[in-house]
Protein backbone atom coordinates (compact mmCIF):
# COMPACT_ATOMS: atom_id res chain seq x y z
CA UNK A 1 -3.80 -11.54 -26.64
CA UNK A 2 -0.41 -11.81 -28.19
CA UNK A 3 -0.61 -8.32 -28.48
CA UNK A 4 -0.98 -7.56 -24.79
CA UNK A 5 2.06 -9.66 -23.70
CA UNK A 6 4.21 -7.42 -25.75
CA UNK A 7 3.30 -4.34 -24.15
CA UNK A 8 5.88 -4.33 -21.71
CA UNK A 9 8.36 -5.04 -24.24
CA UNK A 10 7.35 -2.22 -26.28
CA UNK A 11 7.75 0.10 -23.42
CA UNK A 12 11.08 -0.78 -22.44
CA UNK A 13 12.53 2.76 -23.62
CA UNK A 14 11.50 4.35 -20.52
CA UNK A 15 11.75 2.44 -17.65
CA UNK A 16 10.19 5.58 -15.58
CA UNK A 17 6.93 5.15 -17.94
CA UNK A 18 7.08 1.29 -18.18
CA UNK A 19 4.17 0.67 -15.68
CA UNK A 20 2.16 3.86 -16.28
CA UNK A 21 2.11 3.24 -19.85
CA UNK A 22 1.04 -0.58 -19.59
CA UNK A 23 -1.52 0.33 -17.37
CA UNK A 24 -2.82 3.04 -19.57
CA UNK A 25 -2.58 0.33 -22.30
CA UNK A 26 -4.92 -2.13 -20.26
CA UNK A 27 -7.25 0.11 -19.24
CA UNK A 28 -7.55 1.17 -22.95
CA UNK A 29 -8.07 -2.25 -23.68
CA UNK A 30 -10.56 -2.78 -21.14
CA UNK A 31 -8.71 -4.82 -18.41
CA UNK A 32 -8.38 -3.65 -14.94
CA UNK A 33 -5.06 -2.84 -13.35
CA UNK A 34 -4.51 -6.10 -11.58
CA UNK A 35 -3.66 -7.60 -14.96
CA UNK A 36 -0.35 -5.97 -14.95
CA UNK A 37 0.56 -8.93 -12.75
CA UNK A 38 0.71 -11.21 -15.62
CA UNK A 39 4.02 -9.84 -16.68
CA UNK A 40 7.36 -10.48 -14.87
CA UNK A 41 8.78 -6.99 -14.27
CA UNK A 42 6.15 -6.11 -11.37
CA UNK A 43 7.29 -9.39 -9.55
CA UNK A 44 11.32 -8.54 -9.95
CA UNK A 45 10.61 -5.03 -8.89
CA UNK A 46 8.94 -6.80 -5.55
CA UNK A 47 11.45 -9.03 -5.16
CA UNK A 48 14.09 -6.31 -5.22
CA UNK A 49 12.36 -3.97 -2.98
CA UNK A 50 12.07 -6.87 -0.51
CA UNK A 51 15.56 -7.54 -0.84
CA UNK A 52 16.36 -3.65 -0.32
CA UNK A 53 14.10 -3.56 3.03
CA UNK A 54 15.43 -7.14 5.02
CA UNK A 55 18.95 -7.43 3.25
CA UNK A 56 20.70 -10.60 1.80
CA UNK A 57 24.13 -10.11 3.12
CA UNK A 58 25.73 -12.15 6.12
CA UNK A 59 24.96 -9.85 8.74
CA UNK A 60 21.20 -10.19 7.91
CA UNK A 61 19.18 -11.38 10.79
CA UNK A 62 16.60 -12.87 8.01
CA UNK A 63 16.75 -16.45 6.78
CA UNK A 64 15.67 -15.82 2.80
CA UNK A 65 14.80 -19.43 3.17
CA UNK A 66 11.96 -18.51 5.23
CA UNK A 67 10.79 -15.55 3.48
CA UNK A 68 7.55 -15.51 1.36
CA UNK A 69 6.28 -13.13 -0.64
CA UNK A 70 2.23 -14.06 -0.57
CA UNK A 71 0.05 -13.99 -3.11
CA UNK A 72 -2.27 -11.63 -1.80
CA UNK A 73 -0.97 -8.74 -4.15
CA UNK A 74 -2.73 -5.84 -6.04
CA UNK A 75 -2.32 -3.02 -8.01
CA UNK A 76 -4.26 0.35 -7.63
CA UNK A 77 -4.66 2.73 -10.62
CA UNK A 78 -6.52 6.14 -9.24
CA UNK A 79 -8.72 8.36 -11.39
CA UNK A 80 -10.60 11.58 -10.84
CA UNK A 81 -13.65 9.78 -10.18
CA UNK A 82 -15.61 8.85 -7.11
CA UNK A 83 -14.26 5.87 -5.22
CA UNK A 84 -16.02 2.63 -5.93
CA UNK A 85 -17.53 3.86 -9.62
CA UNK A 86 -14.21 1.90 -11.35
CA UNK A 87 -12.21 -0.94 -10.91
CA UNK A 88 -8.73 -0.17 -9.30
CA UNK A 89 -9.55 3.02 -7.19
CA UNK A 90 -8.74 3.46 -3.87
CA UNK A 91 -9.67 1.41 -0.87
CA UNK A 92 -10.82 4.18 1.36
CA UNK A 93 -11.95 2.23 4.17
CA UNK A 94 -9.65 2.11 7.57
CA UNK A 95 -8.64 -1.49 8.02
CA UNK A 96 -6.10 -3.74 9.31
CA UNK A 97 -4.57 -6.12 7.21
CA UNK A 98 -3.78 -8.69 9.77
CA UNK A 99 -5.15 -8.97 13.30
CA UNK A 100 -2.27 -8.50 15.88
CA UNK A 101 -2.21 -11.99 17.41
CA UNK A 102 -1.92 -13.38 13.83
CA UNK A 103 1.43 -11.79 12.87
CA UNK A 104 3.57 -11.26 15.66
CA UNK A 105 5.58 -13.25 17.98
CA UNK A 106 3.94 -13.90 21.25
CA UNK A 107 7.05 -13.86 23.20
CA UNK A 108 8.92 -10.84 21.45
CA UNK A 109 5.98 -9.12 20.14
CA UNK A 110 8.21 -8.85 16.90
CA UNK A 111 6.15 -8.69 13.79
CA UNK A 112 6.26 -11.77 11.71
CA UNK A 113 4.80 -9.98 8.76
CA UNK A 114 5.15 -6.43 6.97
CA UNK A 115 2.85 -4.55 4.47
CA UNK A 116 5.04 -3.09 1.48
CA UNK A 117 3.57 -0.44 -0.75
CA UNK A 118 5.46 0.65 -3.94
CA UNK A 119 4.24 3.47 -6.10
CA UNK A 120 4.77 2.98 -9.80
CA UNK A 121 3.85 6.39 -11.06
CA UNK A 122 6.51 8.67 -12.10
CA UNK A 123 5.37 11.49 -9.90
CA UNK A 124 5.65 8.86 -6.91
CA UNK A 125 2.98 9.25 -4.29
CA UNK A 126 1.74 12.74 -2.90
CA UNK A 127 -0.67 14.13 -0.67
CA UNK A 128 -2.95 14.84 -3.40
CA UNK A 129 -2.86 11.71 -5.52
CA UNK A 130 -3.47 9.23 -3.16
CA UNK A 131 -0.72 8.29 -0.81
CA UNK A 132 -1.30 5.75 1.85
CA UNK A 133 -2.66 7.18 5.22
CA UNK A 134 -1.27 5.01 8.49
CA UNK A 135 -2.15 5.39 11.96
CA UNK A 136 0.95 5.14 14.15
CA UNK A 137 0.96 2.34 16.79
CA UNK A 138 1.40 5.06 19.62
CA UNK A 139 -1.59 6.71 18.46
CA UNK A 140 -3.77 3.47 18.38
CA UNK A 141 -5.42 2.65 21.40
CA UNK A 142 -6.46 -1.09 20.18
CA UNK A 143 -3.28 -2.21 18.39
CA UNK A 144 -2.51 -4.86 21.06
CA UNK A 145 -5.94 -5.72 21.69
CA UNK A 146 -7.30 -8.18 19.16
CA UNK A 147 -10.14 -9.21 20.97
CA UNK A 148 -11.48 -5.73 21.61
CA UNK A 149 -14.31 -4.72 18.90
CA UNK A 150 -12.48 -1.93 18.09
CA UNK A 151 -9.50 -3.93 17.05
CA UNK A 152 -11.67 -4.56 14.03
CA UNK A 153 -13.92 -1.59 13.66
CA UNK A 154 -11.96 1.13 12.58
CA UNK A 155 -14.81 3.74 10.86
CA UNK A 156 -13.72 6.36 13.21
CA UNK A 157 -10.76 7.18 11.12
CA UNK A 158 -11.38 8.87 7.97
CA UNK A 159 -10.28 12.00 5.86
CA UNK A 160 -11.62 15.22 6.48
CA UNK A 161 -11.58 18.55 5.14
CA UNK A 162 -10.00 20.96 7.47
CA UNK A 163 -11.20 24.12 6.22
CA UNK A 164 -8.46 25.16 4.27
CA UNK A 165 -8.90 23.25 1.05
CA UNK A 166 -6.72 20.59 2.12
CA UNK A 167 -7.28 17.24 3.24
CA UNK A 168 -6.25 15.84 6.82
CA UNK A 169 -6.57 12.53 8.33
CA UNK A 170 -7.77 11.99 11.63
CA UNK A 171 -8.78 8.89 14.08
CA UNK A 172 -9.86 8.15 17.59
CA UNK A 173 -13.25 9.67 18.52
CA UNK A 174 -12.14 13.22 18.14
CA UNK A 175 -14.94 13.74 15.36
CA UNK A 176 -12.26 15.64 13.03
CA UNK A 177 -11.71 18.39 15.35
CA UNK A 178 -8.02 18.43 14.34
CA UNK A 179 -6.44 16.65 17.56
CA UNK A 180 -2.85 16.37 17.03
CA UNK A 181 -3.01 12.97 18.91
CA UNK A 182 -5.05 11.66 16.07
CA UNK A 183 -3.28 12.53 13.17
CA UNK A 184 -2.61 9.74 10.53
CA UNK A 185 1.10 9.62 8.97
CA UNK A 186 0.67 10.17 4.85
CA UNK A 187 3.18 8.00 3.36
CA UNK A 188 4.95 10.25 0.63
CA UNK A 189 7.04 8.33 -1.73
CA UNK A 190 8.88 8.50 -4.48
CA UNK A 191 8.49 6.51 -7.71
CA UNK A 192 9.78 2.70 -7.23
CA UNK A 193 10.46 3.74 -3.26
CA UNK A 194 8.39 1.56 -1.02
CA UNK A 195 5.96 2.18 2.58
CA UNK A 196 6.43 -0.34 4.86
CA UNK A 197 4.49 -0.72 7.83
CA UNK A 198 3.25 -3.04 10.44
CA UNK A 199 0.25 -5.06 8.92
CA UNK A 200 -1.70 -4.69 12.13
CA UNK A 201 -1.53 -0.75 11.56
CA UNK A 202 -4.89 0.95 10.58
CA UNK A 203 -4.42 2.39 7.14
CA UNK A 204 -6.48 3.12 4.09
CA UNK A 205 -5.89 4.58 0.46
CA UNK A 206 -6.21 8.43 -0.12
CA UNK A 207 -8.05 10.00 -2.81
CA UNK A 208 -7.00 11.10 -5.88
CA UNK A 209 -7.89 14.84 -7.00
CA UNK A 210 -7.94 16.15 -10.38
CA UNK A 211 -5.25 18.62 -10.56
CA UNK A 212 -2.37 15.65 -10.13
CA UNK A 213 -1.32 13.00 -12.46
CA UNK A 214 -2.49 9.65 -12.08
CA UNK A 215 -1.45 7.30 -9.43
CA UNK A 216 -0.46 3.86 -9.97
CA UNK A 217 0.38 1.77 -6.81
CA UNK A 218 1.80 -1.78 -6.57
CA UNK A 219 0.21 -3.61 -3.57
CA UNK A 220 1.18 -6.91 -2.27
CA UNK A 221 -1.10 -7.51 0.63
CA UNK A 222 0.67 -10.72 2.52
CA UNK A 223 4.26 -11.88 2.09
CA UNK A 224 5.17 -14.63 5.00
CA UNK A 225 8.08 -16.50 6.07
CA UNK A 226 8.01 -18.89 9.26
CA UNK A 227 9.84 -16.11 10.91
CA UNK A 228 9.04 -13.04 8.96
CA UNK A 229 6.38 -11.76 6.48
CA UNK A 230 7.01 -9.46 3.75
CA UNK A 231 3.73 -7.43 2.63
CA UNK A 232 3.57 -5.51 -0.28
CA UNK A 233 0.59 -2.87 -0.44
């Protein structure tokens, strides 16, 4: 136990490899990637990211006293193995983190929560190492309809091979025929950057392909404040 608690300290020589090396050490010791949250550094990174997103100067419209980083935080560490065969793999099922009426102001329609996703891998998040897929609001017919069955049933969104060896993401009922109106956005993000989206947006984790480096992601699924919520995914 003492040896595990010193892992981050020994890896301080390279900040870029700090989290990846610690995740590798945890894996070698038989621990799942979520144990990274035992250390202070991931939480400090999340707090710094939230400050960068909403600001903390006098002109900021956000009252920091009302901002809450919720405990729904996760860490993913993708490998070249089928999803579901190891702990820490990507969550490939399209889903919404929160239903529309649970995270939006009833009058202004302003979101009271955000999803935040931070790649920890030195190569960041790319198309081939598991970047997040997010369906834009304007391409989601059921975004504003929380009582509609399709608001919570999103299995029609999926990754499909477009025939050229590359993976595209399609949604709706197009059957994967390449309709541009149904293409999900791939969040390509540098290391320690962040992808941010409305938690009602349909999204899912991309798959890891063996030709790229492992992808480690820091995911905080819920962070609330009385007026705003900041999520990290």
